[in-house]
N, C-alpha and C. Protein backbone atom coordinates (compact mmCIF):
# COMPACT_ATOMS: atom_id res chain seq x y z
N UNK A 1 52.22 109.52 11.39
CA UNK A 1 52.15 110.11 12.58
C UNK A 1 53.42 109.96 13.63
N UNK A 2 53.85 110.99 14.31
CA UNK A 2 55.07 110.82 15.21
C UNK A 2 55.03 111.77 16.31
N UNK A 3 55.12 111.24 17.44
CA UNK A 3 55.00 112.00 18.70
C UNK A 3 56.12 111.72 19.75
N UNK A 4 56.40 112.59 20.69
CA UNK A 4 57.47 112.50 21.60
C UNK A 4 56.64 112.79 23.06
N UNK A 5 56.82 111.80 24.10
CA UNK A 5 56.40 112.12 25.33
C UNK A 5 57.17 111.75 26.42
N UNK A 6 57.23 112.44 27.32
CA UNK A 6 58.14 112.35 28.63
C UNK A 6 57.34 111.25 29.69
N UNK A 7 58.10 110.35 30.16
CA UNK A 7 57.51 109.44 31.25
C UNK A 7 58.24 110.06 32.44
N UNK A 8 57.45 110.56 33.46
CA UNK A 8 57.92 111.17 34.94
C UNK A 8 57.72 110.19 35.81
N UNK A 9 57.16 109.13 35.70
CA UNK A 9 57.08 108.11 36.93
C UNK A 9 57.31 106.93 36.78
N UNK A 10 57.54 106.09 37.66
CA UNK A 10 58.11 104.81 37.72
C UNK A 10 56.84 103.88 37.25
N UNK A 11 57.15 102.60 37.04
CA UNK A 11 56.28 101.79 36.53
C UNK A 11 55.85 101.48 35.27
N UNK A 12 54.72 100.83 35.17
CA UNK A 12 54.28 100.38 33.63
C UNK A 12 53.38 101.47 32.96
N UNK A 13 53.53 102.03 32.08
CA UNK A 13 52.53 102.78 31.25
C UNK A 13 52.25 102.39 29.99
N UNK A 14 50.86 102.54 29.43
CA UNK A 14 50.48 102.07 28.44
C UNK A 14 49.96 103.12 27.39
N UNK A 15 50.41 103.23 26.25
CA UNK A 15 50.32 104.14 25.37
C UNK A 15 49.48 103.73 24.14
N UNK A 16 48.59 104.12 23.48
CA UNK A 16 47.98 103.34 22.37
C UNK A 16 47.80 104.87 21.31
N UNK A 17 47.48 104.27 20.19
CA UNK A 17 47.09 105.06 18.88
C UNK A 17 45.81 104.77 18.53
N UNK A 18 44.90 105.67 18.35
CA UNK A 18 43.68 105.31 17.99
C UNK A 18 43.15 106.25 16.75
N UNK A 19 42.40 105.77 15.86
CA UNK A 19 41.70 106.38 14.76
C UNK A 19 40.40 106.79 14.93
N UNK A 20 39.83 107.96 15.08
CA UNK A 20 38.26 108.30 15.20
C UNK A 20 37.66 108.78 13.83
N UNK A 21 36.83 107.98 13.32
CA UNK A 21 36.19 108.43 12.15
C UNK A 21 34.83 108.09 12.22
N UNK A 22 34.20 108.95 11.74
CA UNK A 22 32.48 108.99 11.71
C UNK A 22 31.94 108.29 13.03
N UNK A 23 32.33 108.90 14.28
CA UNK A 23 31.79 108.56 15.41
C UNK A 23 32.46 107.04 15.95
N UNK A 24 33.38 106.37 15.18
CA UNK A 24 33.79 105.13 15.56
C UNK A 24 35.26 105.29 16.08
N UNK A 25 35.64 104.41 17.05
CA UNK A 25 37.14 104.67 17.42
C UNK A 25 37.90 103.02 17.03
N UNK A 26 39.01 103.14 16.45
CA UNK A 26 39.50 101.93 15.94
C UNK A 26 41.20 102.18 16.65
N UNK A 27 41.43 100.92 17.19
CA UNK A 27 42.86 100.81 17.88
C UNK A 27 43.70 100.35 16.71
N UNK A 28 44.58 101.46 16.57
CA UNK A 28 45.77 101.20 15.55
C UNK A 28 46.96 100.39 16.06
N UNK A 29 47.54 100.73 16.96
CA UNK A 29 48.82 100.15 17.55
C UNK A 29 48.90 100.79 19.03
N UNK A 30 50.08 100.15 19.87
CA UNK A 30 50.03 100.67 21.19
C UNK A 30 51.56 100.02 21.81
N UNK A 31 51.78 100.51 22.77
CA UNK A 31 53.23 100.02 23.34
C UNK A 31 52.96 100.04 24.76
N UNK A 32 53.67 99.00 25.33
CA UNK A 32 53.70 99.13 26.81
C UNK A 32 55.15 99.50 27.41
N UNK A 33 55.34 100.30 28.32
CA UNK A 33 56.85 100.76 28.56
C UNK A 33 56.89 100.57 30.11
N UNK A 34 57.98 99.89 30.67
CA UNK A 34 58.25 99.97 31.94
C UNK A 34 59.47 100.62 32.22
N UNK A 35 59.23 101.68 33.27
CA UNK A 35 60.32 102.69 33.66
C UNK A 35 60.66 102.55 35.06
N UNK A 36 62.15 102.56 35.50
CA UNK A 36 62.48 102.17 36.55
C UNK A 36 63.96 102.69 36.78
N UNK A 37 64.69 102.20 37.73
CA UNK A 37 66.07 102.17 37.97
C UNK A 37 66.62 100.92 37.52
N UNK A 38 67.86 101.07 37.14
CA UNK A 38 68.78 99.51 36.84
C UNK A 38 69.09 98.89 38.22
N UNK A 39 68.86 97.58 38.27
CA UNK A 39 69.36 96.83 39.51
C UNK A 39 70.94 97.35 39.90
N UNK A 40 70.78 97.57 41.26
CA UNK A 40 72.25 97.63 41.83
C UNK A 40 72.97 96.07 41.93
N UNK A 41 74.04 96.23 42.04
CA UNK A 41 74.80 94.78 42.25
C UNK A 41 74.58 94.38 43.54
N UNK A 42 74.33 93.11 43.74
CA UNK A 42 73.84 92.59 45.27
C UNK A 42 75.06 92.52 45.86
N UNK A 43 74.65 92.96 47.15
CA UNK A 43 75.73 92.96 48.41
C UNK A 43 75.37 91.93 49.45
N UNK A 44 76.41 91.81 50.23
CA UNK A 44 76.21 91.08 51.32
C UNK A 44 75.67 89.51 50.83
N UNK A 45 76.30 88.70 49.71
CA UNK A 45 75.78 87.54 49.44
C UNK A 45 76.15 86.48 50.52
N UNK A 46 75.26 85.59 50.92
CA UNK A 46 75.58 84.55 51.69
C UNK A 46 74.68 83.26 51.28
N UNK A 47 75.32 82.32 51.18
CA UNK A 47 75.06 80.86 50.81
C UNK A 47 75.62 79.89 51.93
N UNK A 48 74.41 79.18 52.23
CA UNK A 48 74.55 78.05 53.32
C UNK A 48 74.11 76.90 52.54
N UNK A 49 74.98 75.68 52.81
CA UNK A 49 74.46 74.37 52.48
C UNK A 49 74.77 73.27 53.56
N UNK A 50 73.56 72.81 54.00
CA UNK A 50 73.71 71.73 55.13
C UNK A 50 74.04 70.39 54.53
N UNK A 51 75.02 69.89 54.96
CA UNK A 51 75.92 68.49 54.38
C UNK A 51 76.24 68.43 53.05
N UNK A 52 76.80 67.36 52.75
CA UNK A 52 77.47 67.60 51.18
C UNK A 52 76.37 67.20 50.26
N UNK A 53 75.27 66.74 50.59
CA UNK A 53 74.02 66.48 49.54
C UNK A 53 73.01 67.55 49.54
N UNK A 54 73.15 68.44 50.44
CA UNK A 54 72.16 69.38 50.69
C UNK A 54 71.93 70.50 49.50
N UNK A 55 70.83 71.17 49.34
CA UNK A 55 70.70 72.28 48.36
C UNK A 55 71.16 73.52 49.02
N UNK A 56 71.99 74.34 48.54
CA UNK A 56 72.30 75.53 48.93
C UNK A 56 71.15 76.57 49.04
N UNK A 57 71.38 77.42 49.97
CA UNK A 57 70.18 78.47 50.38
C UNK A 57 70.85 79.64 50.40
N UNK A 58 70.49 80.67 49.67
CA UNK A 58 71.36 82.09 49.45
C UNK A 58 70.49 83.06 49.68
N UNK A 59 70.91 84.25 50.11
CA UNK A 59 70.21 85.49 50.30
C UNK A 59 71.37 86.66 50.08
N UNK A 60 70.58 87.65 49.86
CA UNK A 60 71.70 88.76 49.59
C UNK A 60 70.62 90.21 49.76
N UNK A 61 71.30 91.16 49.63
CA UNK A 61 70.70 92.63 49.50
C UNK A 61 70.46 93.17 48.20
N UNK A 62 69.24 93.44 47.64
CA UNK A 62 69.16 93.50 46.35
C UNK A 62 69.30 95.26 46.14
N UNK A 63 69.63 95.93 47.00
CA UNK A 63 69.74 97.40 46.87
C UNK A 63 68.30 98.25 46.59
N UNK A 64 68.51 99.28 45.74
CA UNK A 64 67.37 100.27 45.73
C UNK A 64 66.22 99.43 45.02
N UNK A 65 64.99 99.96 45.21
CA UNK A 65 64.17 99.60 44.39
C UNK A 65 63.99 99.94 43.11
N UNK A 66 63.69 98.86 42.18
CA UNK A 66 64.01 99.33 40.67
C UNK A 66 62.50 99.65 40.01
N UNK A 67 61.52 99.31 40.52
CA UNK A 67 60.18 99.55 40.09
C UNK A 67 59.68 98.86 38.78
N UNK A 68 60.68 97.75 38.12
CA UNK A 68 60.49 96.95 37.18
C UNK A 68 60.57 95.52 37.57
N UNK A 69 60.17 94.62 36.57
CA UNK A 69 60.44 93.07 37.03
C UNK A 69 62.12 92.82 36.93
N UNK A 70 62.55 92.43 37.92
CA UNK A 70 64.03 92.29 37.98
C UNK A 70 64.20 90.79 38.53
N UNK A 71 65.15 90.00 37.86
CA UNK A 71 65.46 88.74 37.81
C UNK A 71 66.75 88.60 38.41
N UNK A 72 67.19 88.02 39.46
CA UNK A 72 68.73 87.76 39.79
C UNK A 72 68.81 86.50 39.98
N UNK A 73 70.18 85.92 39.38
CA UNK A 73 70.50 84.72 38.97
C UNK A 73 71.88 84.71 39.77
N UNK A 74 72.39 83.58 40.72
CA UNK A 74 73.46 83.21 41.17
C UNK A 74 74.35 82.23 40.38
N UNK A 75 75.43 82.57 40.07
CA UNK A 75 76.08 81.47 39.15
C UNK A 75 77.44 81.15 39.89
């Protein structure tokens, strides 16, 4: 079985394939899809460290909303 579907909204979507036989339903397979925007490059990055042994604290503007789980790492 093969099918194509369009995802028109952002967020998490769950699609399943089920078999119906003799009044019973059985889950065959499924897929979770997250759709959204790619993250923008961070802007206005600012890091402050108090003293020589302090831990730096950083902030930045993330840009537009991605609608998907996004992790930012400063290196």
